[in-house]
N, C-alpha and C. Protein backbone atom coordinates (compact mmCIF):
# COMPACT_ATOMS: atom_id res chain seq x y z
N UNK A 1 -9.66 7.94 11.31
CA UNK A 1 -9.07 7.09 11.86
C UNK A 1 -8.65 7.46 13.41
N UNK A 2 -7.59 6.42 13.90
CA UNK A 2 -7.49 6.61 15.44
C UNK A 2 -6.26 7.53 15.65
N UNK A 3 -5.74 7.92 16.61
CA UNK A 3 -4.18 8.14 16.84
C UNK A 3 -3.56 7.76 16.93
N UNK A 4 -3.64 6.91 16.96
CA UNK A 4 -1.79 6.09 16.73
C UNK A 4 -2.05 5.34 15.27
N UNK A 5 -3.00 5.28 14.63
CA UNK A 5 -2.72 4.97 13.17
C UNK A 5 -2.60 6.32 12.39
N UNK A 6 -3.32 7.28 13.26
CA UNK A 6 -2.43 9.07 12.77
C UNK A 6 -0.76 8.87 13.08
N UNK A 7 -0.26 8.27 14.15
CA UNK A 7 0.99 8.74 14.35
C UNK A 7 1.82 7.65 13.30
N UNK A 8 1.39 6.70 13.58
CA UNK A 8 2.06 5.45 12.37
C UNK A 8 2.35 6.07 11.11
N UNK A 9 1.14 6.78 10.40
CA UNK A 9 1.15 7.16 8.86
C UNK A 9 2.28 8.41 8.79
N UNK A 10 2.22 9.07 10.27
CA UNK A 10 3.35 10.65 10.03
C UNK A 10 4.43 10.21 9.72
N UNK A 11 5.26 8.63 10.62
CA UNK A 11 6.40 8.71 10.75
C UNK A 11 6.95 8.19 8.97
N UNK A 12 6.32 8.45 8.06
CA UNK A 12 6.97 8.47 6.81
C UNK A 12 7.59 10.17 6.30
N UNK A 13 6.70 11.20 6.62
CA UNK A 13 6.78 12.48 6.74
C UNK A 13 7.67 12.50 7.77
N UNK A 14 7.93 12.05 8.92
CA UNK A 14 8.80 12.48 9.47
C UNK A 14 10.69 12.15 9.61
N UNK A 15 10.25 10.75 8.84
CA UNK A 15 11.66 10.17 8.06
C UNK A 15 11.73 10.96 7.08
N UNK A 16 11.32 11.97 6.05
CA UNK A 16 11.62 12.31 5.21
C UNK A 16 12.35 14.11 5.80
N UNK A 17 11.36 14.09 6.54
CA UNK A 17 12.16 15.47 7.17
C UNK A 17 13.32 15.34 7.87
N UNK A 18 13.69 14.08 8.48
CA UNK A 18 14.85 13.96 8.93
C UNK A 18 16.17 13.87 8.22
N UNK A 19 15.75 13.14 7.25
CA UNK A 19 16.63 13.05 5.83
C UNK A 19 17.20 14.56 5.61
N UNK A 20 16.11 15.38 5.19
CA UNK A 20 15.94 16.63 4.46
C UNK A 20 17.37 17.35 5.29
N UNK A 21 16.79 17.44 6.65
CA UNK A 21 17.58 17.86 7.77
C UNK A 21 19.61 17.40 7.99
N UNK A 22 19.27 16.32 7.68
CA UNK A 22 20.93 15.48 7.54
C UNK A 22 21.38 16.30 6.32
N UNK A 23 20.81 15.90 4.82
CA UNK A 23 21.23 16.33 4.15
C UNK A 23 21.57 17.84 3.70
N UNK A 24 21.14 18.37 4.83
CA UNK A 24 21.26 20.11 4.56
C UNK A 24 22.56 20.15 5.72
N UNK A 25 22.85 19.46 6.33
CA UNK A 25 23.95 19.79 7.90
C UNK A 25 25.43 18.76 7.52
N UNK A 26 25.13 17.88 6.47
CA UNK A 26 25.94 16.69 6.61
C UNK A 26 27.64 17.23 6.43
N UNK A 27 27.70 18.41 5.97
CA UNK A 27 29.25 19.07 6.22
C UNK A 27 29.63 19.21 7.53
N UNK A 28 28.58 19.73 8.52
CA UNK A 28 28.67 19.81 10.01
C UNK A 28 28.85 18.22 10.74
N UNK A 29 27.94 17.70 10.09
CA UNK A 29 28.04 16.14 10.99
C UNK A 29 29.21 15.79 10.84
N UNK A 30 30.15 15.87 9.59
CA UNK A 30 31.06 15.08 9.15
C UNK A 30 32.39 15.82 9.67
N UNK A 31 32.12 17.42 10.11
CA UNK A 31 33.11 17.76 10.36
C UNK A 31 33.83 17.37 12.23
N UNK A 32 32.16 17.41 12.63
CA UNK A 32 32.07 16.87 14.58
C UNK A 32 32.64 15.49 14.30
N UNK A 33 32.38 14.62 13.58
CA UNK A 33 32.70 13.47 13.59
C UNK A 33 34.08 12.99 13.43
N UNK A 34 34.62 14.02 12.54
CA UNK A 34 35.91 13.69 12.00
C UNK A 34 36.88 13.89 13.31
N UNK A 35 36.33 14.65 14.13
CA UNK A 35 37.04 15.02 15.27
C UNK A 35 37.63 14.52 16.04
N UNK A 36 36.80 13.10 16.45
CA UNK A 36 36.91 11.83 17.27
C UNK A 36 37.12 12.31 18.39
N UNK A 37 36.46 12.99 18.98
CA UNK A 37 36.48 13.28 20.38
C UNK A 37 35.17 13.06 21.08
N UNK A 38 35.55 12.38 22.37
CA UNK A 38 34.36 11.83 23.35
C UNK A 38 33.59 10.35 22.39
N UNK A 39 32.65 10.01 23.33
CA UNK A 39 32.03 8.91 22.69
C UNK A 39 30.43 9.24 21.90
N UNK A 40 30.43 8.32 20.81
CA UNK A 40 29.06 8.41 20.59
C UNK A 40 27.90 7.99 21.51
N UNK A 41 26.26 8.43 21.56
CA UNK A 41 25.35 7.78 22.37
C UNK A 41 24.21 7.23 21.16
N UNK A 42 23.80 6.30 21.09
CA UNK A 42 22.56 6.28 20.52
C UNK A 42 21.40 5.43 21.22
N UNK A 43 20.16 6.26 21.23
CA UNK A 43 19.21 5.93 22.22
C UNK A 43 17.84 5.05 21.68
N UNK A 44 17.64 4.33 22.43
CA UNK A 44 16.60 3.92 21.37
C UNK A 44 15.38 3.11 22.34
N UNK A 45 14.13 2.70 22.13
CA UNK A 45 12.90 2.56 23.47
C UNK A 45 12.38 1.38 22.24
N UNK A 46 12.11 0.19 22.35
CA UNK A 46 11.26 -0.59 21.35
C UNK A 46 12.27 -1.00 20.00
N UNK A 47 11.69 -0.92 19.03
CA UNK A 47 12.09 -1.28 17.93
C UNK A 47 13.22 -0.08 17.47
N UNK A 48 12.90 1.04 17.55
CA UNK A 48 14.28 2.13 17.55
C UNK A 48 15.41 1.63 18.61
N UNK A 49 15.19 1.07 19.55
CA UNK A 49 16.28 0.21 20.31
C UNK A 49 17.27 -0.42 19.56
N UNK A 50 16.70 -1.65 18.54
CA UNK A 50 17.23 -2.35 17.84
C UNK A 50 17.88 -1.41 17.06
N UNK A 51 17.57 -0.70 16.24
CA UNK A 51 18.28 0.53 15.04
C UNK A 51 19.27 1.45 15.97
N UNK A 52 19.04 1.76 17.07
CA UNK A 52 20.19 2.28 18.22
C UNK A 52 21.32 1.27 17.82
N UNK A 53 21.20 0.16 18.31
CA UNK A 53 22.48 -1.04 18.57
C UNK A 53 23.17 -1.19 17.08
N UNK A 54 22.10 -0.84 16.04
CA UNK A 54 23.03 -1.25 14.75
C UNK A 54 23.74 -0.11 14.65
N UNK A 55 23.12 1.29 14.74
CA UNK A 55 23.73 2.17 14.26
C UNK A 55 25.31 2.22 15.18
N UNK A 56 24.95 2.02 16.61
CA UNK A 56 26.18 2.25 17.48
C UNK A 56 27.16 0.95 16.83
N UNK A 57 26.79 -0.17 16.37
CA UNK A 57 27.99 -1.07 15.84
C UNK A 57 28.31 -0.41 14.67
N UNK A 58 27.67 -0.09 13.89
CA UNK A 58 28.15 0.77 12.37
C UNK A 58 29.00 1.73 12.80
N UNK A 59 28.83 2.83 13.72
CA UNK A 59 29.98 4.02 14.17
C UNK A 59 31.32 3.21 14.70
N UNK A 60 31.12 1.96 15.49
CA UNK A 60 32.28 1.72 15.96
C UNK A 60 33.19 0.91 14.68
N UNK A 61 32.37 0.29 14.05
CA UNK A 61 33.25 -0.20 12.87
C UNK A 61 34.22 0.86 11.90
N UNK A 62 32.99 1.43 11.22
CA UNK A 62 33.38 2.48 10.69
C UNK A 62 34.29 3.92 11.21
N UNK A 63 34.00 4.35 12.07
CA UNK A 63 34.56 5.31 12.72
C UNK A 63 35.94 4.84 13.70
N UNK A 64 35.65 3.55 14.54
CA UNK A 64 36.83 3.03 15.44
C UNK A 64 36.60 3.87 16.53
N UNK A 65 35.23 4.34 17.05
CA UNK A 65 35.24 5.05 18.35
C UNK A 65 34.36 4.02 18.80
N UNK A 66 34.23 4.33 20.52
CA UNK A 66 33.29 4.01 21.04
C UNK A 66 31.83 4.35 21.13
N UNK A 67 30.67 3.60 21.22
CA UNK A 67 29.40 3.89 20.85
C UNK A 67 28.53 3.29 21.53
């Protein structure tokens, strides 16, 4: 197959690995967010930009912090 096809297919594994890492460190993440210090920054380009905008809005609504 092509390099692009392989990259697209690998996204499922990358998302699963990301979820595993988040699950393993959820207590650390929650502790960091509960401090309420500083702004949250969400980055994205292309379709991930749309996801970053959605994540920023949810963070603002749920955490009451600038994002």
